[in-house]
Amino acid sequence: MKKNIKSININIFKSPLYLYWAFLFSLFAINSSYSQLDSLKYKFDSKPTIGLKMETKNFVIQNYWSRIQEIKPYLEFEKNIRIGVGYAWLKKGHEFSNQNDTLTLKINAISLFGAYVFEYNKNWTIELPLDFGFGFVSSDDTENNRGYYSFYEPSLIMEYHGFKYVNLGLGTGFRISGHKEEVYPNALTTQTFIFRFSLKFSEIYKQFMELNNS
């Protein structure tokens, strides 16, 4: 099984351009499906609201739990479509062995994402995000200590909206990644387990204006 994963990582994900085209294809697929439900143009003509998501993505590397932290500002159109950018980093450096040395892996990346949100009921939504990111992996190796990193991650997240100023979400995704193997020799493609904390800027702003005018 490891041999197959490594082969995919070398032959398919050697260039970040592949992930770029995969991301565009996925957005096109969502666009085509959604056009059967409503008009995207109508959604994007509406005034968007601003939001901020903070996500922790837990995953396993070499039988050890690690986690990536992400901060994602976004625009939301008609409570259904979210588009934004983000910054991701490995919360704690992952230690690994390489030629009898113990090294520390670090990941930093910029991401772009789009998501469609289904309203399940008054307090719950189901979100289908697609993330595409690019950045760097690095270690404290004296020779091969920095290289490219890119990823493509579809996921599913259930989010609770019952609080006035924040939302909480839980979900899972599958991160398909490519990176410079001279920096880190193992695969970084993995399933992720997601915890999300979101701020409702519209509600916070409304409350601030009410206090300011009182």
C-alpha atoms as a PDB file:
ATOM      1  CA  MET A   1       0.000   0.000   0.000  1.00  0.00           C
ATOM      2  CA  LYS A   2       2.816   2.452   0.839  1.00  0.00           C
ATOM      3  CA  LYS A   3       4.453   1.676  -2.474  1.00  0.00           C
ATOM      4  CA  ASN A   4       1.298   2.634  -4.380  1.00  0.00           C
ATOM      5  CA  ILE A   5       0.888   5.907  -2.481  1.00  0.00           C
ATOM      6  CA  LYS A   6       4.496   6.862  -3.108  1.00  0.00           C
ATOM      7  CA  SER A   7       4.130   6.075  -6.803  1.00  0.00           C
ATOM      8  CA  ILE A   8       1.106   8.352  -7.068  1.00  0.00           C
ATOM      9  CA  ASN A   9       2.948  11.088  -5.197  1.00  0.00           C
ATOM     10  CA  ILE A  10       5.887  10.934  -7.633  1.00  0.00           C
ATOM     11  CA  ASN A  11       4.110  10.504 -10.958  1.00  0.00           C
ATOM     12  CA  ILE A  12       0.999  12.650 -10.535  1.00  0.00           C
ATOM     13  CA  PHE A  13       1.716  15.298  -7.948  1.00  0.00           C
ATOM     14  CA  LYS A  14       5.290  16.163  -8.873  1.00  0.00           C
ATOM     15  CA  SER A  15       4.071  19.467 -10.337  1.00  0.00           C
ATOM     16  CA  PRO A  16       1.693  21.795  -8.414  1.00  0.00           C
ATOM     17  CA  LEU A  17       0.038  22.635 -11.762  1.00  0.00           C
ATOM     18  CA  TYR A  18      -1.824  19.310 -11.610  1.00  0.00           C
ATOM     19  CA  LEU A  19      -3.484  20.364  -8.369  1.00  0.00           C
ATOM     20  CA  TYR A  20      -4.339  23.722  -9.901  1.00  0.00           C
ATOM     21  CA  TRP A  21      -6.221  22.088 -12.776  1.00  0.00           C
ATOM     22  CA  ALA A  22      -7.885  19.620 -10.406  1.00  0.00           C
ATOM     23  CA  PHE A  23      -9.136  22.545  -8.332  1.00  0.00           C
ATOM     24  CA  LEU A  24     -10.540  24.353 -11.386  1.00  0.00           C
ATOM     25  CA  PHE A  25     -12.218  21.167 -12.592  1.00  0.00           C
ATOM     26  CA  SER A  26     -13.893  20.669  -9.209  1.00  0.00           C
ATOM     27  CA  LEU A  27     -15.177  24.246  -9.167  1.00  0.00           C
ATOM     28  CA  PHE A  28     -16.560  23.724 -12.676  1.00  0.00           C
ATOM     29  CA  ALA A  29     -18.332  20.548 -11.522  1.00  0.00           C
ATOM     30  CA  ILE A  30     -19.928  22.389  -8.591  1.00  0.00           C
ATOM     31  CA  ASN A  31     -20.925  25.239 -10.888  1.00  0.00           C
ATOM     32  CA  SER A  32     -22.579  22.842 -13.344  1.00  0.00           C
ATOM     33  CA  SER A  33     -24.497  21.031 -10.593  1.00  0.00           C
ATOM     34  CA  TYR A  34     -25.591  24.188  -8.881  1.00  0.00           C
ATOM     35  CA  SER A  35     -26.910  25.767 -12.106  1.00  0.00           C
ATOM     36  CA  GLN A  36     -29.693  23.214 -12.007  1.00  0.00           C
ATOM     37  CA  LEU A  37     -30.834  24.586  -8.651  1.00  0.00           C
ATOM     38  CA  ASP A  38     -30.474  28.340  -9.083  1.00  0.00           C
ATOM     39  CA  SER A  39     -28.606  31.061 -10.969  1.00  0.00           C
ATOM     40  CA  LEU A  40     -25.026  31.712  -9.839  1.00  0.00           C
ATOM     41  CA  LYS A  41     -25.186  35.178 -11.350  1.00  0.00           C
ATOM     42  CA  TYR A  42     -28.098  36.064  -9.073  1.00  0.00           C
ATOM     43  CA  LYS A  43     -26.132  34.890  -6.048  1.00  0.00           C
ATOM     44  CA  PHE A  44     -23.000  36.853  -6.900  1.00  0.00           C
ATOM     45  CA  ASP A  45     -24.999  40.010  -7.659  1.00  0.00           C
ATOM     46  CA  SER A  46     -26.183  40.077  -4.048  1.00  0.00           C
ATOM     47  CA  LYS A  47     -24.269  41.927  -1.351  1.00  0.00           C
ATOM     48  CA  PRO A  48     -21.925  39.483   0.435  1.00  0.00           C
ATOM     49  CA  THR A  49     -21.332  39.232   4.152  1.00  0.00           C
ATOM     50  CA  ILE A  50     -17.876  38.845   5.685  1.00  0.00           C
ATOM     51  CA  GLY A  51     -16.889  35.864   7.797  1.00  0.00           C
ATOM     52  CA  LEU A  52     -13.824  34.357   9.428  1.00  0.00           C
ATOM     53  CA  LYS A  53     -13.191  30.634   9.932  1.00  0.00           C
ATOM     54  CA  MET A  54     -10.527  29.174  12.186  1.00  0.00           C
ATOM     55  CA  GLU A  55     -10.005  25.459  11.568  1.00  0.00           C
ATOM     56  CA  THR A  56      -7.889  22.776  13.176  1.00  0.00           C
ATOM     57  CA  LYS A  57      -7.242  19.792  10.906  1.00  0.00           C
ATOM     58  CA  ASN A  58      -5.997  16.690  12.693  1.00  0.00           C
ATOM     59  CA  PHE A  59      -4.308  13.874  10.789  1.00  0.00           C
ATOM     60  CA  VAL A  60      -1.833  11.022  11.196  1.00  0.00           C
ATOM     61  CA  ILE A  61       1.764  11.087   9.932  1.00  0.00           C
ATOM     62  CA  GLN A  62       3.851   7.951  10.492  1.00  0.00           C
ATOM     63  CA  ASN A  63       1.455   6.737  13.223  1.00  0.00           C
ATOM     64  CA  TYR A  64       1.644  10.068  15.102  1.00  0.00           C
ATOM     65  CA  TRP A  65      -1.129  12.639  15.391  1.00  0.00           C
ATOM     66  CA  SER A  66      -0.351  16.065  13.972  1.00  0.00           C
ATOM     67  CA  ARG A  67      -2.508  19.082  13.253  1.00  0.00           C
ATOM     68  CA  ILE A  68      -2.615  21.952  10.815  1.00  0.00           C
ATOM     69  CA  GLN A  69      -4.069  25.279  11.919  1.00  0.00           C
ATOM     70  CA  GLU A  70      -5.882  27.433   9.328  1.00  0.00           C
ATOM     71  CA  ILE A  71      -7.254  31.001   9.366  1.00  0.00           C
ATOM     72  CA  LYS A  72      -9.735  31.748   6.556  1.00  0.00           C
ATOM     73  CA  PRO A  73     -11.468  35.083   5.880  1.00  0.00           C
ATOM     74  CA  TYR A  74     -14.247  34.720   3.311  1.00  0.00           C
ATOM     75  CA  LEU A  75     -17.214  36.316   1.541  1.00  0.00           C
ATOM     76  CA  GLU A  76     -20.620  34.656   1.785  1.00  0.00           C
ATOM     77  CA  PHE A  77     -23.276  35.155  -0.905  1.00  0.00           C
ATOM     78  CA  GLU A  78     -26.946  34.505  -0.087  1.00  0.00           C
ATOM     79  CA  LYS A  79     -25.955  32.154   2.765  1.00  0.00           C
ATOM     80  CA  ASN A  80     -25.084  29.460   0.192  1.00  0.00           C
ATOM     81  CA  ILE A  81     -21.749  30.255  -1.443  1.00  0.00           C
ATOM     82  CA  ARG A  82     -18.482  31.008   0.339  1.00  0.00           C
ATOM     83  CA  ILE A  83     -15.269  32.110  -1.365  1.00  0.00           C
ATOM     84  CA  GLY A  84     -12.088  33.053   0.446  1.00  0.00           C
ATOM     85  CA  VAL A  85      -8.400  32.730   1.114  1.00  0.00           C
ATOM     86  CA  GLY A  86      -6.484  31.274   4.024  1.00  0.00           C
ATOM     87  CA  TYR A  87      -3.172  30.687   5.715  1.00  0.00           C
ATOM     88  CA  ALA A  88      -2.193  27.263   7.074  1.00  0.00           C
ATOM     89  CA  TRP A  89       0.699  26.044   9.194  1.00  0.00           C
ATOM     90  CA  LEU A  90       1.679  22.900  11.033  1.00  0.00           C
ATOM     91  CA  LYS A  91       0.748  23.625  14.657  1.00  0.00           C
ATOM     92  CA  LYS A  92       3.669  21.684  16.120  1.00  0.00           C
ATOM     93  CA  GLY A  93       6.712  20.593  14.162  1.00  0.00           C
ATOM     94  CA  HIS A  94       6.552  16.884  13.281  1.00  0.00           C
ATOM     95  CA  GLU A  95       9.730  14.995  14.222  1.00  0.00           C
ATOM     96  CA  PHE A  96      10.978  12.288  11.856  1.00  0.00           C
ATOM     97  CA  SER A  97      14.124  10.230  11.345  1.00  0.00           C
ATOM     98  CA  ASN A  98      16.324  10.646   8.290  1.00  0.00           C
ATOM     99  CA  GLN A  99      19.712   8.900   7.995  1.00  0.00           C
ATOM    100  CA  ASN A 100      20.057   8.457  11.759  1.00  0.00           C
ATOM    101  CA  ASP A 101      19.184  12.133  12.379  1.00  0.00           C
ATOM    102  CA  THR A 102      16.010  13.391  14.074  1.00  0.00           C
ATOM    103  CA  LEU A 103      14.578  16.293  12.067  1.00  0.00           C
ATOM    104  CA  THR A 104      11.537  18.541  12.499  1.00  0.00           C
ATOM    105  CA  LEU A 105       9.065  19.003   9.636  1.00  0.00           C
ATOM    106  CA  LYS A 106       7.283  22.343   9.182  1.00  0.00           C
ATOM    107  CA  ILE A 107       4.529  23.291   6.728  1.00  0.00           C
ATOM    108  CA  ASN A 108       3.354  26.765   5.700  1.00  0.00           C
ATOM    109  CA  ALA A 109       0.835  27.367   2.904  1.00  0.00           C
ATOM    110  CA  ILE A 110      -1.568  29.877   1.371  1.00  0.00           C
ATOM    111  CA  SER A 111      -4.942  28.482   0.318  1.00  0.00           C
ATOM    112  CA  LEU A 112      -7.890  29.394  -1.906  1.00  0.00           C
ATOM    113  CA  PHE A 113     -11.270  27.824  -1.305  1.00  0.00           C
ATOM    114  CA  GLY A 114     -14.858  27.740  -2.426  1.00  0.00           C
ATOM    115  CA  ALA A 115     -17.794  26.091  -0.657  1.00  0.00           C
ATOM    116  CA  TYR A 116     -21.473  25.419  -1.118  1.00  0.00           C
ATOM    117  CA  VAL A 117     -23.684  25.402   1.993  1.00  0.00           C
ATOM    118  CA  PHE A 118     -26.889  23.382   2.351  1.00  0.00           C
ATOM    119  CA  GLU A 119     -29.329  24.445   5.063  1.00  0.00           C
ATOM    120  CA  TYR A 120     -30.437  21.345   6.961  1.00  0.00           C
ATOM    121  CA  ASN A 121     -32.636  23.176   9.478  1.00  0.00           C
ATOM    122  CA  LYS A 122     -32.670  26.432  11.457  1.00  0.00           C
ATOM    123  CA  ASN A 123     -29.517  25.649  13.448  1.00  0.00           C
ATOM    124  CA  TRP A 124     -27.568  23.221  11.246  1.00  0.00           C
ATOM    125  CA  THR A 125     -25.929  23.461   7.828  1.00  0.00           C
ATOM    126  CA  ILE A 126     -23.884  21.041   5.735  1.00  0.00           C
ATOM    127  CA  GLU A 127     -20.942  22.583   3.899  1.00  0.00           C
ATOM    128  CA  LEU A 128     -18.988  21.119   0.973  1.00  0.00           C
ATOM    129  CA  PRO A 129     -15.675  23.022   0.720  1.00  0.00           C
ATOM    130  CA  LEU A 130     -12.888  22.611  -1.838  1.00  0.00           C
ATOM    131  CA  ASP A 131      -9.443  23.861  -0.818  1.00  0.00           C
ATOM    132  CA  PHE A 132      -6.402  24.347  -3.004  1.00  0.00           C
ATOM    133  CA  GLY A 133      -3.122  25.464  -1.404  1.00  0.00           C
ATOM    134  CA  PHE A 134       0.519  26.028  -2.182  1.00  0.00           C
ATOM    135  CA  GLY A 135       3.494  26.826   0.020  1.00  0.00           C
ATOM    136  CA  PHE A 136       6.584  25.217   1.488  1.00  0.00           C
ATOM    137  CA  VAL A 137       7.755  22.275   3.566  1.00  0.00           C
ATOM    138  CA  SER A 138      10.941  22.754   5.544  1.00  0.00           C
ATOM    139  CA  SER A 139      13.126  20.983   8.081  1.00  0.00           C
ATOM    140  CA  ASP A 140      16.274  21.682  10.065  1.00  0.00           C
ATOM    141  CA  ASP A 141      18.362  19.568   7.685  1.00  0.00           C
ATOM    142  CA  THR A 142      21.557  21.415   6.707  1.00  0.00           C
ATOM    143  CA  GLU A 143      21.270  20.429   3.003  1.00  0.00           C
ATOM    144  CA  ASN A 144      17.696  19.781   1.792  1.00  0.00           C
ATOM    145  CA  ASN A 145      15.857  22.039   4.211  1.00  0.00           C
ATOM    146  CA  ARG A 146      13.144  23.689   2.041  1.00  0.00           C
ATOM    147  CA  GLY A 147      10.898  22.736  -0.871  1.00  0.00           C
ATOM    148  CA  TYR A 148       7.487  23.194  -2.483  1.00  0.00           C
ATOM    149  CA  TYR A 149       4.244  21.946  -0.961  1.00  0.00           C
ATOM    150  CA  SER A 150       0.804  21.897  -2.596  1.00  0.00           C
ATOM    151  CA  PHE A 151      -2.501  20.283  -1.757  1.00  0.00           C
ATOM    152  CA  TYR A 152      -6.068  19.752  -2.905  1.00  0.00           C
ATOM    153  CA  GLU A 153      -8.686  18.919  -0.260  1.00  0.00           C
ATOM    154  CA  PRO A 154     -12.419  18.236  -0.634  1.00  0.00           C
ATOM    155  CA  SER A 155     -14.248  17.946   2.674  1.00  0.00           C
ATOM    156  CA  LEU A 156     -17.646  17.794   4.373  1.00  0.00           C
ATOM    157  CA  ILE A 157     -18.433  19.850   7.476  1.00  0.00           C
ATOM    158  CA  MET A 158     -21.543  20.070   9.662  1.00  0.00           C
ATOM    159  CA  GLU A 159     -21.873  23.471  11.316  1.00  0.00           C
ATOM    160  CA  TYR A 160     -24.037  24.562  14.261  1.00  0.00           C
ATOM    161  CA  HIS A 161     -25.505  28.101  14.103  1.00  0.00           C
ATOM    162  CA  GLY A 162     -27.399  28.236  17.406  1.00  0.00           C
ATOM    163  CA  PHE A 163     -25.054  30.736  19.060  1.00  0.00           C
ATOM    164  CA  LYS A 164     -25.444  34.474  18.433  1.00  0.00           C
ATOM    165  CA  TYR A 165     -21.896  35.461  17.504  1.00  0.00           C
ATOM    166  CA  VAL A 166     -20.095  32.200  16.638  1.00  0.00           C
ATOM    167  CA  ASN A 167     -20.624  28.943  14.751  1.00  0.00           C
ATOM    168  CA  LEU A 168     -19.054  25.584  15.590  1.00  0.00           C
ATOM    169  CA  GLY A 169     -18.360  22.847  13.079  1.00  0.00           C
ATOM    170  CA  LEU A 170     -17.087  19.276  12.800  1.00  0.00           C
ATOM    171  CA  GLY A 171     -16.139  17.393   9.667  1.00  0.00           C
ATOM    172  CA  THR A 172     -13.689  15.357   7.689  1.00  0.00           C
ATOM    173  CA  GLY A 173     -11.730  15.767   4.473  1.00  0.00           C
ATOM    174  CA  PHE A 174      -9.115  14.088   2.328  1.00  0.00           C
ATOM    175  CA  ARG A 175      -5.964  16.091   1.605  1.00  0.00           C
ATOM    176  CA  ILE A 176      -4.137  15.061  -1.572  1.00  0.00           C
ATOM    177  CA  SER A 177      -0.707  16.653  -1.473  1.00  0.00           C
ATOM    178  CA  GLY A 178       2.593  16.889  -3.287  1.00  0.00           C
ATOM    179  CA  HIS A 179       5.909  18.059  -1.889  1.00  0.00           C
ATOM    180  CA  LYS A 180       9.662  17.944  -2.349  1.00  0.00           C
ATOM    181  CA  GLU A 181      10.629  14.489  -1.121  1.00  0.00           C
ATOM    182  CA  GLU A 182      14.259  15.462  -0.458  1.00  0.00           C
ATOM    183  CA  VAL A 183      12.921  17.543   2.447  1.00  0.00           C
ATOM    184  CA  TYR A 184      10.465  14.935   3.752  1.00  0.00           C
ATOM    185  CA  PRO A 185      10.661  11.387   2.304  1.00  0.00           C
ATOM    186  CA  ASN A 186       7.167  10.193   3.305  1.00  0.00           C
ATOM    187  CA  ALA A 187       3.730  10.840   1.810  1.00  0.00           C
ATOM    188  CA  LEU A 188       1.619  13.680   3.199  1.00  0.00           C
ATOM    189  CA  THR A 189      -1.631  12.619   1.507  1.00  0.00           C
ATOM    190  CA  THR A 190      -4.021  11.827   4.357  1.00  0.00           C
ATOM    191  CA  GLN A 191      -7.544  12.003   5.761  1.00  0.00           C
ATOM    192  CA  THR A 192      -8.194  15.027   7.972  1.00  0.00           C
ATOM    193  CA  PHE A 193     -10.529  15.446  10.946  1.00  0.00           C
ATOM    194  CA  ILE A 194     -11.740  19.031  11.174  1.00  0.00           C
ATOM    195  CA  PHE A 195     -12.836  21.242  14.057  1.00  0.00           C
ATOM    196  CA  ARG A 196     -14.068  24.726  13.109  1.00  0.00           C
ATOM    197  CA  PHE A 197     -14.742  27.976  14.981  1.00  0.00           C
ATOM    198  CA  SER A 198     -16.393  30.788  12.964  1.00  0.00           C
ATOM    199  CA  LEU A 199     -17.205  34.404  13.808  1.00  0.00           C
ATOM    200  CA  LYS A 200     -20.476  36.049  12.690  1.00  0.00           C
ATOM    201  CA  PHE A 201     -19.177  39.480  11.732  1.00  0.00           C
ATOM    202  CA  SER A 202     -22.607  40.712  10.620  1.00  0.00           C
ATOM    203  CA  GLU A 203     -24.114  39.986  14.046  1.00  0.00           C
ATOM    204  CA  ILE A 204     -21.112  41.458  15.853  1.00  0.00           C
ATOM    205  CA  TYR A 205     -21.285  44.629  13.727  1.00  0.00           C
ATOM    206  CA  LYS A 206     -25.043  44.940  14.274  1.00  0.00           C
ATOM    207  CA  GLN A 207     -24.586  44.638  18.037  1.00  0.00           C
ATOM    208  CA  PHE A 208     -21.758  47.191  17.976  1.00  0.00           C
ATOM    209  CA  MET A 209     -23.913  49.717  16.076  1.00  0.00           C
ATOM    210  CA  GLU A 210     -26.823  49.234  18.476  1.00  0.00           C
ATOM    211  CA  LEU A 211     -24.551  49.900  21.455  1.00  0.00           C
ATOM    212  CA  ASN A 212     -23.004  52.884  19.712  1.00  0.00           C
ATOM    213  CA  ASN A 213     -26.407  54.455  18.975  1.00  0.00           C
ATOM    214  CA  SER A 214     -27.910  53.836  22.407  1.00  0.00           C
END
